Amino acid sequence: MITKEPYIVISDVSYRYSDAKHYALEELNFTIYKGEFVVILGEHLAGKSTFCQILNGVIPNFKGGEMKGSVIVGGLNTQEVSVAEMAQKVGMVLQDPAAQLFTTKVINEVAFGPENLCLDVDEILERVRWALQVVGLAGFEERSPTSLSGGQQQRLAIAAALAMRPEVLVLDEATSQLDPIGTIEVFSLVQELNKKYNMTIVIATHKSEEAAQFADRILILHQHRLIAQGVPQEIYQNTKLLEQVNIPSPQVSRLATYLEEHSLRLPEFPITIEQARKGIEQLVRRSENCEP
């Protein structure tokens, strides 16, 4: 449930890597609210990964460079606290799950973060049990991470992040290497975390179909700047914007645009298959009723 409580507040943020001439992010200003499911879309090198890394303090605390402005997450300024402290606020899941998994057993992978918080054994085991249950990997404790499928490895990476009990989960192109089934599994899982635990979700992706289905709000990055934000229907109905940033809209949205160009407007602009089905059925019934 989205609240009116601002949880992530980004103010006048610009960032340049230490070896770069140009800024990777420029003049970002926006707010993400507690319990919101936000998807970041943008072409390659638009700044999506950099955006994700400013949320947990990896930028600039680990990567250096020049950063202007402020990023406040849960009341903490990411430039004033350690990355370890931010890890308890913001969980991060990266593009390649195999690059995040480095132990020989699933249970050890999930326990690694809580162990570094110096928690007692019972608390660690409870967090491991809960996280594996949430992601559907209960019973996999003794398995090797390398024996898991790509989708299972990504769920394990999510479990490792969840064991830190973050309030925000950030996924940086976390489904880019997964097939359609694995992609829907991951999106469905994080939607469940969002709905069941009111966890704030931020996903950077290029998959517009899933963004349409799951997002409360979509942010568009283009040439390192935030150029648009809005609910999915608002974003996908703006065909000029999507052409400008080279982002494909969902197929059903393209169908609606095509029909509209031929004077056949659906009752509601669709972004999901179900919305398109209902709209076309209404259009057909309306056409039948108008027959002589």
C-alpha atoms as a PDB file:
ATOM      1  CA  MET A   1       0.000   0.000   0.000  1.00  0.00           C
ATOM      2  CA  ILE A   2       1.478   3.310  -1.133  1.00  0.00           C
ATOM      3  CA  THR A   3       1.533   5.893   1.618  1.00  0.00           C
ATOM      4  CA  LYS A   4       2.074   9.631   1.457  1.00  0.00           C
ATOM      5  CA  GLU A   5       5.306   9.129   3.366  1.00  0.00           C
ATOM      6  CA  PRO A   6       8.328  10.098   1.228  1.00  0.00           C
ATOM      7  CA  TYR A   7      10.924   7.367   1.702  1.00  0.00           C
ATOM      8  CA  ILE A   8      13.498   8.195  -0.978  1.00  0.00           C
ATOM      9  CA  VAL A   9      14.104  11.881  -1.694  1.00  0.00           C
ATOM     10  CA  ILE A  10      16.614  12.804  -4.401  1.00  0.00           C
ATOM     11  CA  SER A  11      17.454  16.487  -4.583  1.00  0.00           C
ATOM     12  CA  ASP A  12      19.538  18.192  -7.285  1.00  0.00           C
ATOM     13  CA  VAL A  13      21.690  15.090  -7.816  1.00  0.00           C
ATOM     14  CA  SER A  14      24.383  15.025 -10.476  1.00  0.00           C
ATOM     15  CA  TYR A  15      27.140  12.414 -10.565  1.00  0.00           C
ATOM     16  CA  ARG A  16      30.306  11.924 -12.597  1.00  0.00           C
ATOM     17  CA  TYR A  17      32.609   8.908 -12.386  1.00  0.00           C
ATOM     18  CA  SER A  18      36.186   9.727 -11.476  1.00  0.00           C
ATOM     19  CA  ASP A  19      37.548   8.788 -14.918  1.00  0.00           C
ATOM     20  CA  ALA A  20      34.741  10.398 -16.939  1.00  0.00           C
ATOM     21  CA  LYS A  21      34.443  13.787 -18.607  1.00  0.00           C
ATOM     22  CA  HIS A  22      30.650  13.866 -18.583  1.00  0.00           C
ATOM     23  CA  TYR A  23      28.034  13.311 -15.908  1.00  0.00           C
ATOM     24  CA  ALA A  24      26.339   9.900 -15.699  1.00  0.00           C
ATOM     25  CA  LEU A  25      23.355  11.531 -13.968  1.00  0.00           C
ATOM     26  CA  GLU A  26      22.326  15.166 -14.193  1.00  0.00           C
ATOM     27  CA  GLU A  27      20.028  17.298 -12.041  1.00  0.00           C
ATOM     28  CA  LEU A  28      17.776  14.569 -10.691  1.00  0.00           C
ATOM     29  CA  ASN A  29      14.871  15.633  -8.504  1.00  0.00           C
ATOM     30  CA  PHE A  30      12.090  13.301  -7.425  1.00  0.00           C
ATOM     31  CA  THR A  31      10.538  11.381  -4.545  1.00  0.00           C
ATOM     32  CA  ILE A  32       9.649   7.709  -4.108  1.00  0.00           C
ATOM     33  CA  TYR A  33       7.001   6.949  -1.508  1.00  0.00           C
ATOM     34  CA  LYS A  34       6.861   4.162   1.049  1.00  0.00           C
ATOM     35  CA  GLY A  35       5.295   1.043  -0.488  1.00  0.00           C
ATOM     36  CA  GLU A  36       5.596   2.246  -4.086  1.00  0.00           C
ATOM     37  CA  PHE A  37       6.575  -0.058  -6.985  1.00  0.00           C
ATOM     38  CA  VAL A  38       8.694   2.047  -9.342  1.00  0.00           C
ATOM     39  CA  VAL A  39      10.186   0.951 -12.657  1.00  0.00           C
ATOM     40  CA  ILE A  40      13.017   2.854 -14.339  1.00  0.00           C
ATOM     41  CA  LEU A  41      13.136   2.622 -18.125  1.00  0.00           C
ATOM     42  CA  GLY A  42      15.789   3.980 -20.423  1.00  0.00           C
ATOM     43  CA  GLU A  43      18.030   3.072 -23.307  1.00  0.00           C
ATOM     44  CA  HIS A  44      21.513   1.608 -22.855  1.00  0.00           C
ATOM     45  CA  LEU A  45      23.823   4.040 -21.013  1.00  0.00           C
ATOM     46  CA  ALA A  46      20.909   6.261 -19.984  1.00  0.00           C
ATOM     47  CA  GLY A  47      22.109   6.067 -16.368  1.00  0.00           C
ATOM     48  CA  LYS A  48      19.889   3.308 -14.922  1.00  0.00           C
ATOM     49  CA  SER A  49      22.645   1.376 -13.121  1.00  0.00           C
ATOM     50  CA  THR A  50      24.173   4.566 -11.765  1.00  0.00           C
ATOM     51  CA  PHE A  51      20.733   5.551 -10.506  1.00  0.00           C
ATOM     52  CA  CYS A  52      20.384   2.240  -8.655  1.00  0.00           C
ATOM     53  CA  GLN A  53      23.786   2.577  -7.028  1.00  0.00           C
ATOM     54  CA  ILE A  54      23.138   6.031  -5.616  1.00  0.00           C
ATOM     55  CA  LEU A  55      20.227   4.554  -3.645  1.00  0.00           C
ATOM     56  CA  ASN A  56      22.387   2.326  -1.432  1.00  0.00           C
ATOM     57  CA  GLY A  57      25.438   4.594  -1.167  1.00  0.00           C
ATOM     58  CA  VAL A  58      27.755   2.498  -3.355  1.00  0.00           C
ATOM     59  CA  ILE A  59      27.938   5.746  -5.311  1.00  0.00           C
ATOM     60  CA  PRO A  60      29.820   7.742  -4.222  1.00  0.00           C
ATOM     61  CA  ASN A  61      31.122   5.912  -1.108  1.00  0.00           C
ATOM     62  CA  PHE A  62      32.758   3.008  -2.960  1.00  0.00           C
ATOM     63  CA  LYS A  63      33.150   4.333  -6.480  1.00  0.00           C
ATOM     64  CA  GLY A  64      34.294   7.854  -5.689  1.00  0.00           C
ATOM     65  CA  GLY A  65      33.788  10.426  -8.408  1.00  0.00           C
ATOM     66  CA  GLU A  66      32.018  13.758  -8.068  1.00  0.00           C
ATOM     67  CA  MET A  67      28.515  13.890  -6.631  1.00  0.00           C
ATOM     68  CA  LYS A  68      26.339  16.941  -6.133  1.00  0.00           C
ATOM     69  CA  GLY A  69      23.050  17.115  -4.280  1.00  0.00           C
ATOM     70  CA  SER A  70      21.635  14.675  -1.746  1.00  0.00           C
ATOM     71  CA  VAL A  71      20.005  11.240  -1.588  1.00  0.00           C
ATOM     72  CA  ILE A  72      17.927  10.662   1.542  1.00  0.00           C
ATOM     73  CA  VAL A  73      16.660   7.116   2.157  1.00  0.00           C
ATOM     74  CA  GLY A  74      14.577   6.433   5.241  1.00  0.00           C
ATOM     75  CA  GLY A  75      15.866   9.624   6.799  1.00  0.00           C
ATOM     76  CA  LEU A  76      19.540   8.764   6.178  1.00  0.00           C
ATOM     77  CA  ASN A  77      21.830  10.721   3.886  1.00  0.00           C
ATOM     78  CA  THR A  78      23.663   8.116   1.783  1.00  0.00           C
ATOM     79  CA  GLN A  79      26.813  10.259   1.755  1.00  0.00           C
ATOM     80  CA  GLU A  80      26.962  10.437   5.547  1.00  0.00           C
ATOM     81  CA  VAL A  81      26.540   6.780   6.523  1.00  0.00           C
ATOM     82  CA  SER A  82      28.393   3.602   5.577  1.00  0.00           C
ATOM     83  CA  VAL A  83      27.351   1.263   2.785  1.00  0.00           C
ATOM     84  CA  ALA A  84      26.993  -1.459   5.442  1.00  0.00           C
ATOM     85  CA  GLU A  85      24.453   0.660   7.292  1.00  0.00           C
ATOM     86  CA  MET A  86      22.593   1.445   4.068  1.00  0.00           C
ATOM     87  CA  ALA A  87      22.440  -2.300   3.283  1.00  0.00           C
ATOM     88  CA  GLN A  88      19.974  -2.618   6.158  1.00  0.00           C
ATOM     89  CA  LYS A  89      17.751  -0.061   4.428  1.00  0.00           C
ATOM     90  CA  VAL A  90      18.282  -0.916   0.771  1.00  0.00           C
ATOM     91  CA  GLY A  91      18.743  -4.423  -0.633  1.00  0.00           C
ATOM     92  CA  MET A  92      20.384  -4.647  -4.059  1.00  0.00           C
ATOM     93  CA  VAL A  93      20.028  -7.386  -6.691  1.00  0.00           C
ATOM     94  CA  LEU A  94      22.249  -7.162  -9.759  1.00  0.00           C
ATOM     95  CA  GLN A  95      21.979  -8.180 -13.386  1.00  0.00           C
ATOM     96  CA  ASP A  96      24.012 -11.393 -13.205  1.00  0.00           C
ATOM     97  CA  PRO A  97      22.941 -13.591 -10.263  1.00  0.00           C
ATOM     98  CA  ALA A  98      26.023 -15.794 -10.578  1.00  0.00           C
ATOM     99  CA  ALA A  99      28.238 -12.760  -9.936  1.00  0.00           C
ATOM    100  CA  GLN A 100      26.545 -12.243  -6.560  1.00  0.00           C
ATOM    101  CA  LEU A 101      26.659 -15.857  -5.359  1.00  0.00           C
ATOM    102  CA  PHE A 102      29.970 -17.009  -3.936  1.00  0.00           C
ATOM    103  CA  THR A 103      29.370 -19.656  -1.255  1.00  0.00           C
ATOM    104  CA  THR A 104      28.970 -23.398  -1.650  1.00  0.00           C
ATOM    105  CA  LYS A 105      25.518 -23.757  -0.090  1.00  0.00           C
ATOM    106  CA  VAL A 106      22.247 -21.889  -0.376  1.00  0.00           C
ATOM    107  CA  ILE A 107      21.966 -21.561   3.406  1.00  0.00           C
ATOM    108  CA  ASN A 108      25.427 -19.997   3.646  1.00  0.00           C
ATOM    109  CA  GLU A 109      24.595 -17.519   0.881  1.00  0.00           C
ATOM    110  CA  VAL A 110      21.536 -16.189   2.676  1.00  0.00           C
ATOM    111  CA  ALA A 111      23.218 -16.192   6.089  1.00  0.00           C
ATOM    112  CA  PHE A 112      26.261 -14.217   4.928  1.00  0.00           C
ATOM    113  CA  GLY A 113      24.748 -10.737   5.323  1.00  0.00           C
ATOM    114  CA  PRO A 114      23.181 -11.272   8.766  1.00  0.00           C
ATOM    115  CA  GLU A 115      26.428 -12.894   9.982  1.00  0.00           C
ATOM    116  CA  ASN A 116      28.265  -9.699   9.100  1.00  0.00           C
ATOM    117  CA  LEU A 117      25.801  -7.796  11.280  1.00  0.00           C
ATOM    118  CA  CYS A 118      27.045  -9.968  14.174  1.00  0.00           C
ATOM    119  CA  LEU A 119      23.545 -11.209  14.968  1.00  0.00           C
ATOM    120  CA  ASP A 120      23.066 -14.205  17.229  1.00  0.00           C
ATOM    121  CA  VAL A 121      22.696 -17.639  15.635  1.00  0.00           C
ATOM    122  CA  ASP A 122      18.969 -17.990  16.290  1.00  0.00           C
ATOM    123  CA  GLU A 123      18.231 -14.642  14.659  1.00  0.00           C
ATOM    124  CA  ILE A 124      20.377 -15.519  11.636  1.00  0.00           C
ATOM    125  CA  LEU A 125      18.654 -18.883  11.169  1.00  0.00           C
ATOM    126  CA  GLU A 126      15.220 -17.279  11.513  1.00  0.00           C
ATOM    127  CA  ARG A 127      16.085 -14.700   8.840  1.00  0.00           C
ATOM    128  CA  VAL A 128      17.413 -17.427   6.543  1.00  0.00           C
ATOM    129  CA  ARG A 129      14.297 -19.558   7.024  1.00  0.00           C
ATOM    130  CA  TRP A 130      11.994 -16.604   6.383  1.00  0.00           C
ATOM    131  CA  ALA A 131      13.862 -15.339   3.308  1.00  0.00           C
ATOM    132  CA  LEU A 132      14.005 -18.763   1.650  1.00  0.00           C
ATOM    133  CA  GLN A 133      10.329 -19.326   2.396  1.00  0.00           C
ATOM    134  CA  VAL A 134       9.397 -15.994   0.847  1.00  0.00           C
ATOM    135  CA  VAL A 135      11.262 -16.658  -2.412  1.00  0.00           C
ATOM    136  CA  GLY A 136      10.101 -20.266  -2.701  1.00  0.00           C
ATOM    137  CA  LEU A 137      13.454 -21.929  -2.018  1.00  0.00           C
ATOM    138  CA  ALA A 138      12.648 -23.613   1.303  1.00  0.00           C
ATOM    139  CA  GLY A 139      14.179 -27.085   1.179  1.00  0.00           C
ATOM    140  CA  PHE A 140      17.082 -25.924  -0.987  1.00  0.00           C
ATOM    141  CA  GLU A 141      19.318 -25.081   1.993  1.00  0.00           C
ATOM    142  CA  GLU A 142      22.007 -27.698   1.243  1.00  0.00           C
ATOM    143  CA  ARG A 143      21.997 -27.240  -2.519  1.00  0.00           C
ATOM    144  CA  SER A 144      24.890 -25.577  -4.297  1.00  0.00           C
ATOM    145  CA  PRO A 145      23.930 -22.234  -5.874  1.00  0.00           C
ATOM    146  CA  THR A 146      25.605 -23.362  -9.104  1.00  0.00           C
ATOM    147  CA  SER A 147      23.106 -26.228  -9.381  1.00  0.00           C
ATOM    148  CA  LEU A 148      20.141 -23.846  -9.530  1.00  0.00           C
ATOM    149  CA  SER A 149      18.456 -22.538 -12.662  1.00  0.00           C
ATOM    150  CA  GLY A 150      18.908 -18.896 -13.664  1.00  0.00           C
ATOM    151  CA  GLY A 151      15.540 -17.955 -12.191  1.00  0.00           C
ATOM    152  CA  GLN A 152      16.300 -19.834  -8.976  1.00  0.00           C
ATOM    153  CA  GLN A 153      19.698 -18.148  -8.694  1.00  0.00           C
ATOM    154  CA  GLN A 154      18.043 -14.746  -9.013  1.00  0.00           C
ATOM    155  CA  ARG A 155      15.517 -15.709  -6.331  1.00  0.00           C
ATOM    156  CA  LEU A 156      18.432 -16.773  -4.140  1.00  0.00           C
ATOM    157  CA  ALA A 157      20.084 -13.378  -4.684  1.00  0.00           C
ATOM    158  CA  ILE A 158      16.800 -11.759  -3.626  1.00  0.00           C
ATOM    159  CA  ALA A 159      16.663 -13.997  -0.530  1.00  0.00           C
ATOM    160  CA  ALA A 160      20.192 -12.908   0.416  1.00  0.00           C
ATOM    161  CA  ALA A 161      19.070  -9.276   0.161  1.00  0.00           C
ATOM    162  CA  LEU A 162      15.874  -9.962   2.125  1.00  0.00           C
ATOM    163  CA  ALA A 163      17.796 -11.552   4.984  1.00  0.00           C
ATOM    164  CA  MET A 164      19.108  -8.071   5.767  1.00  0.00           C
ATOM    165  CA  ARG A 165      15.456  -7.016   6.294  1.00  0.00           C
ATOM    166  CA  PRO A 166      15.629  -3.970   3.994  1.00  0.00           C
ATOM    167  CA  GLU A 167      12.742  -1.586   3.522  1.00  0.00           C
ATOM    168  CA  VAL A 168      13.642  -0.985  -0.130  1.00  0.00           C
ATOM    169  CA  LEU A 169      14.541  -3.638  -2.716  1.00  0.00           C
ATOM    170  CA  VAL A 170      16.409  -2.405  -5.791  1.00  0.00           C
ATOM    171  CA  LEU A 171      16.834  -4.641  -8.844  1.00  0.00           C
ATOM    172  CA  ASP A 172      19.289  -3.479 -11.503  1.00  0.00           C
ATOM    173  CA  GLU A 173      18.386  -5.271 -14.771  1.00  0.00           C
ATOM    174  CA  ALA A 174      17.867  -8.362 -12.623  1.00  0.00           C
ATOM    175  CA  THR A 175      15.800 -10.148 -15.278  1.00  0.00           C
ATOM    176  CA  SER A 176      17.875  -9.287 -18.340  1.00  0.00           C
ATOM    177  CA  GLN A 177      19.439 -12.761 -18.514  1.00  0.00           C
ATOM    178  CA  LEU A 178      16.238 -14.658 -17.759  1.00  0.00           C
ATOM    179  CA  ASP A 179      13.738 -16.208 -20.152  1.00  0.00           C
ATOM    180  CA  PRO A 180      10.110 -14.965 -20.139  1.00  0.00           C
ATOM    181  CA  ILE A 181       9.061 -17.494 -17.490  1.00  0.00           C
ATOM    182  CA  GLY A 182      11.951 -16.580 -15.188  1.00  0.00           C
ATOM    183  CA  THR A 183      11.236 -12.878 -15.746  1.00  0.00           C
ATOM    184  CA  ILE A 184       7.602 -13.208 -14.702  1.00  0.00           C
ATOM    185  CA  GLU A 185       8.665 -15.297 -11.671  1.00  0.00           C
ATOM    186  CA  VAL A 186      10.945 -12.517 -10.445  1.00  0.00           C
ATOM    187  CA  PHE A 187       8.470  -9.710 -11.133  1.00  0.00           C
ATOM    188  CA  SER A 188       5.677 -11.670  -9.450  1.00  0.00           C
ATOM    189  CA  LEU A 189       7.885 -12.329  -6.435  1.00  0.00           C
ATOM    190  CA  VAL A 190       8.802  -8.693  -5.923  1.00  0.00           C
ATOM    191  CA  GLN A 191       5.174  -7.699  -6.421  1.00  0.00           C
ATOM    192  CA  GLU A 192       4.277 -10.102  -3.603  1.00  0.00           C
ATOM    193  CA  LEU A 193       6.947  -8.490  -1.403  1.00  0.00           C
ATOM    194  CA  ASN A 194       5.488  -5.111  -2.273  1.00  0.00           C
ATOM    195  CA  LYS A 195       1.897  -6.077  -1.499  1.00  0.00           C
ATOM    196  CA  LYS A 196       2.432  -8.410   1.463  1.00  0.00           C
ATOM    197  CA  TYR A 197       5.219  -6.580   3.298  1.00  0.00           C
ATOM    198  CA  ASN A 198       4.721  -3.048   1.933  1.00  0.00           C
ATOM    199  CA  MET A 199       8.300  -3.150   0.679  1.00  0.00           C
ATOM    200  CA  THR A 200       9.285  -0.308  -1.621  1.00  0.00           C
ATOM    201  CA  ILE A 201      10.442  -1.715  -4.983  1.00  0.00           C
ATOM    202  CA  VAL A 202      12.707  -0.023  -7.525  1.00  0.00           C
ATOM    203  CA  ILE A 203      13.477  -1.941 -10.729  1.00  0.00           C
ATOM    204  CA  ALA A 204      15.690  -0.755 -13.576  1.00  0.00           C
ATOM    205  CA  THR A 205      14.805  -2.726 -16.696  1.00  0.00           C
ATOM    206  CA  HIS A 206      14.305  -2.560 -20.444  1.00  0.00           C
ATOM    207  CA  LYS A 207      11.273  -4.876 -20.348  1.00  0.00           C
ATOM    208  CA  SER A 208       8.316  -2.624 -20.999  1.00  0.00           C
ATOM    209  CA  GLU A 209       5.680  -5.378 -20.978  1.00  0.00           C
ATOM    210  CA  GLU A 210       6.463  -6.268 -17.362  1.00  0.00           C
ATOM    211  CA  ALA A 211       6.794  -2.617 -16.388  1.00  0.00           C
ATOM    212  CA  ALA A 212       3.262  -2.032 -17.659  1.00  0.00           C
ATOM    213  CA  GLN A 213       1.899  -4.985 -15.725  1.00  0.00           C
ATOM    214  CA  PHE A 214       3.521  -4.391 -12.334  1.00  0.00           C
ATOM    215  CA  ALA A 215       4.574  -0.741 -11.872  1.00  0.00           C
ATOM    216  CA  ASP A 216       2.733   1.888  -9.884  1.00  0.00           C
ATOM    217  CA  ARG A 217       4.883   4.532 -11.549  1.00  0.00           C
ATOM    218  CA  ILE A 218       7.427   4.593 -14.370  1.00  0.00           C
ATOM    219  CA  LEU A 219      10.450   6.895 -14.556  1.00  0.00           C
ATOM    220  CA  ILE A 220      12.119   7.551 -17.911  1.00  0.00           C
ATOM    221  CA  LEU A 221      15.843   8.273 -18.023  1.00  0.00           C
ATOM    222  CA  HIS A 222      17.263   9.667 -21.245  1.00  0.00           C
ATOM    223  CA  GLN A 223      20.799  10.931 -21.756  1.00  0.00           C
ATOM    224  CA  HIS A 224      21.403  10.863 -17.997  1.00  0.00           C
ATOM    225  CA  ARG A 225      18.367  12.982 -17.120  1.00  0.00           C
ATOM    226  CA  LEU A 226      14.921  12.202 -15.784  1.00  0.00           C
ATOM    227  CA  ILE A 227      12.665  13.388 -18.607  1.00  0.00           C
ATOM    228  CA  ALA A 228       9.280  11.877 -17.665  1.00  0.00           C
ATOM    229  CA  GLN A 229       7.422  10.074 -14.928  1.00  0.00           C
ATOM    230  CA  GLY A 230       3.865   8.874 -14.527  1.00  0.00           C
ATOM    231  CA  VAL A 231       1.547   5.903 -14.223  1.00  0.00           C
ATOM    232  CA  PRO A 232       2.052   3.236 -16.937  1.00  0.00           C
ATOM    233  CA  GLN A 233      -0.980   4.248 -19.020  1.00  0.00           C
ATOM    234  CA  GLU A 234       0.187   7.857 -19.102  1.00  0.00           C
ATOM    235  CA  ILE A 235       3.701   6.868 -20.173  1.00  0.00           C
ATOM    236  CA  TYR A 236       2.736   4.307 -22.823  1.00  0.00           C
ATOM    237  CA  GLN A 237       0.111   6.537 -24.372  1.00  0.00           C
ATOM    238  CA  ASN A 238       2.820   9.111 -25.102  1.00  0.00           C
ATOM    239  CA  THR A 239       4.083   7.608 -28.366  1.00  0.00           C
ATOM    240  CA  LYS A 240       6.270  10.614 -29.208  1.00  0.00           C
ATOM    241  CA  LEU A 241       8.113  10.263 -25.913  1.00  0.00           C
ATOM    242  CA  LEU A 242       8.686   6.531 -26.415  1.00  0.00           C
ATOM    243  CA  GLU A 243      10.021   7.088 -29.918  1.00  0.00           C
ATOM    244  CA  GLN A 244      12.373   9.761 -28.591  1.00  0.00           C
ATOM    245  CA  VAL A 245      13.899   7.437 -25.991  1.00  0.00           C
ATOM    246  CA  ASN A 246      13.736   4.290 -28.143  1.00  0.00           C
ATOM    247  CA  ILE A 247      11.560   2.345 -25.696  1.00  0.00           C
ATOM    248  CA  PRO A 248       8.989  -0.058 -27.170  1.00  0.00           C
ATOM    249  CA  SER A 249       5.523   0.108 -25.700  1.00  0.00           C
ATOM    250  CA  PRO A 250       3.622  -3.111 -24.856  1.00  0.00           C
ATOM    251  CA  GLN A 251       2.161  -4.831 -27.912  1.00  0.00           C
ATOM    252  CA  VAL A 252      -1.402  -4.194 -26.748  1.00  0.00           C
ATOM    253  CA  SER A 253      -0.619  -0.486 -26.425  1.00  0.00           C
ATOM    254  CA  ARG A 254       0.742  -0.446 -29.960  1.00  0.00           C
ATOM    255  CA  LEU A 255      -2.442  -2.158 -31.107  1.00  0.00           C
ATOM    256  CA  ALA A 256      -4.542   0.511 -29.390  1.00  0.00           C
ATOM    257  CA  THR A 257      -2.511   3.268 -31.049  1.00  0.00           C
ATOM    258  CA  TYR A 258      -2.962   1.583 -34.444  1.00  0.00           C
ATOM    259  CA  LEU A 259      -6.715   1.286 -33.948  1.00  0.00           C
ATOM    260  CA  GLU A 260      -6.932   4.913 -32.856  1.00  0.00           C
ATOM    261  CA  GLU A 261      -5.086   6.003 -35.995  1.00  0.00           C
ATOM    262  CA  HIS A 262      -7.847   4.226 -37.931  1.00  0.00           C
ATOM    263  CA  SER A 263     -10.661   5.891 -35.973  1.00  0.00           C
ATOM    264  CA  LEU A 264     -11.299   2.933 -33.662  1.00  0.00           C
ATOM    265  CA  ARG A 265     -10.744   4.158 -30.141  1.00  0.00           C
ATOM    266  CA  LEU A 266     -10.879   1.602 -27.324  1.00  0.00           C
ATOM    267  CA  PRO A 267     -12.856   2.634 -24.202  1.00  0.00           C
ATOM    268  CA  GLU A 268      -9.640   2.568 -22.142  1.00  0.00           C
ATOM    269  CA  PHE A 269      -6.068   2.750 -23.396  1.00  0.00           C
ATOM    270  CA  PRO A 270      -4.709  -0.754 -22.615  1.00  0.00           C
ATOM    271  CA  ILE A 271      -1.338  -1.652 -21.168  1.00  0.00           C
ATOM    272  CA  THR A 272      -2.118  -5.305 -20.350  1.00  0.00           C
ATOM    273  CA  ILE A 273      -3.650  -8.157 -22.330  1.00  0.00           C
ATOM    274  CA  GLU A 274      -6.694  -8.262 -20.061  1.00  0.00           C
ATOM    275  CA  GLN A 275      -7.392  -4.555 -20.569  1.00  0.00           C
ATOM    276  CA  ALA A 276      -7.038  -4.981 -24.338  1.00  0.00           C
ATOM    277  CA  ARG A 277      -9.368  -8.005 -24.370  1.00  0.00           C
ATOM    278  CA  LYS A 278     -12.096  -6.163 -22.474  1.00  0.00           C
ATOM    279  CA  GLY A 279     -11.703  -3.080 -24.645  1.00  0.00           C
ATOM    280  CA  ILE A 280     -11.916  -5.004 -27.917  1.00  0.00           C
ATOM    281  CA  GLU A 281     -14.969  -6.927 -26.688  1.00  0.00           C
ATOM    282  CA  GLN A 282     -16.720  -3.641 -25.881  1.00  0.00           C
ATOM    283  CA  LEU A 283     -15.698  -2.240 -29.258  1.00  0.00           C
ATOM    284  CA  VAL A 284     -17.114  -5.283 -31.056  1.00  0.00           C
ATOM    285  CA  ARG A 285     -20.392  -5.166 -29.109  1.00  0.00           C
ATOM    286  CA  ARG A 286     -20.738  -1.480 -29.810  1.00  0.00           C
ATOM    287  CA  SER A 287     -20.135  -2.118 -33.504  1.00  0.00           C
ATOM    288  CA  GLU A 288     -22.713  -4.915 -33.570  1.00  0.00           C
ATOM    289  CA  ASN A 289     -25.322  -2.702 -31.915  1.00  0.00           C
ATOM    290  CA  CYS A 290     -24.776  -0.061 -34.563  1.00  0.00           C
ATOM    291  CA  GLU A 291     -25.385  -2.452 -37.458  1.00  0.00           C
ATOM    292  CA  PRO A 292     -28.506  -1.734 -39.531  1.00  0.00           C
END
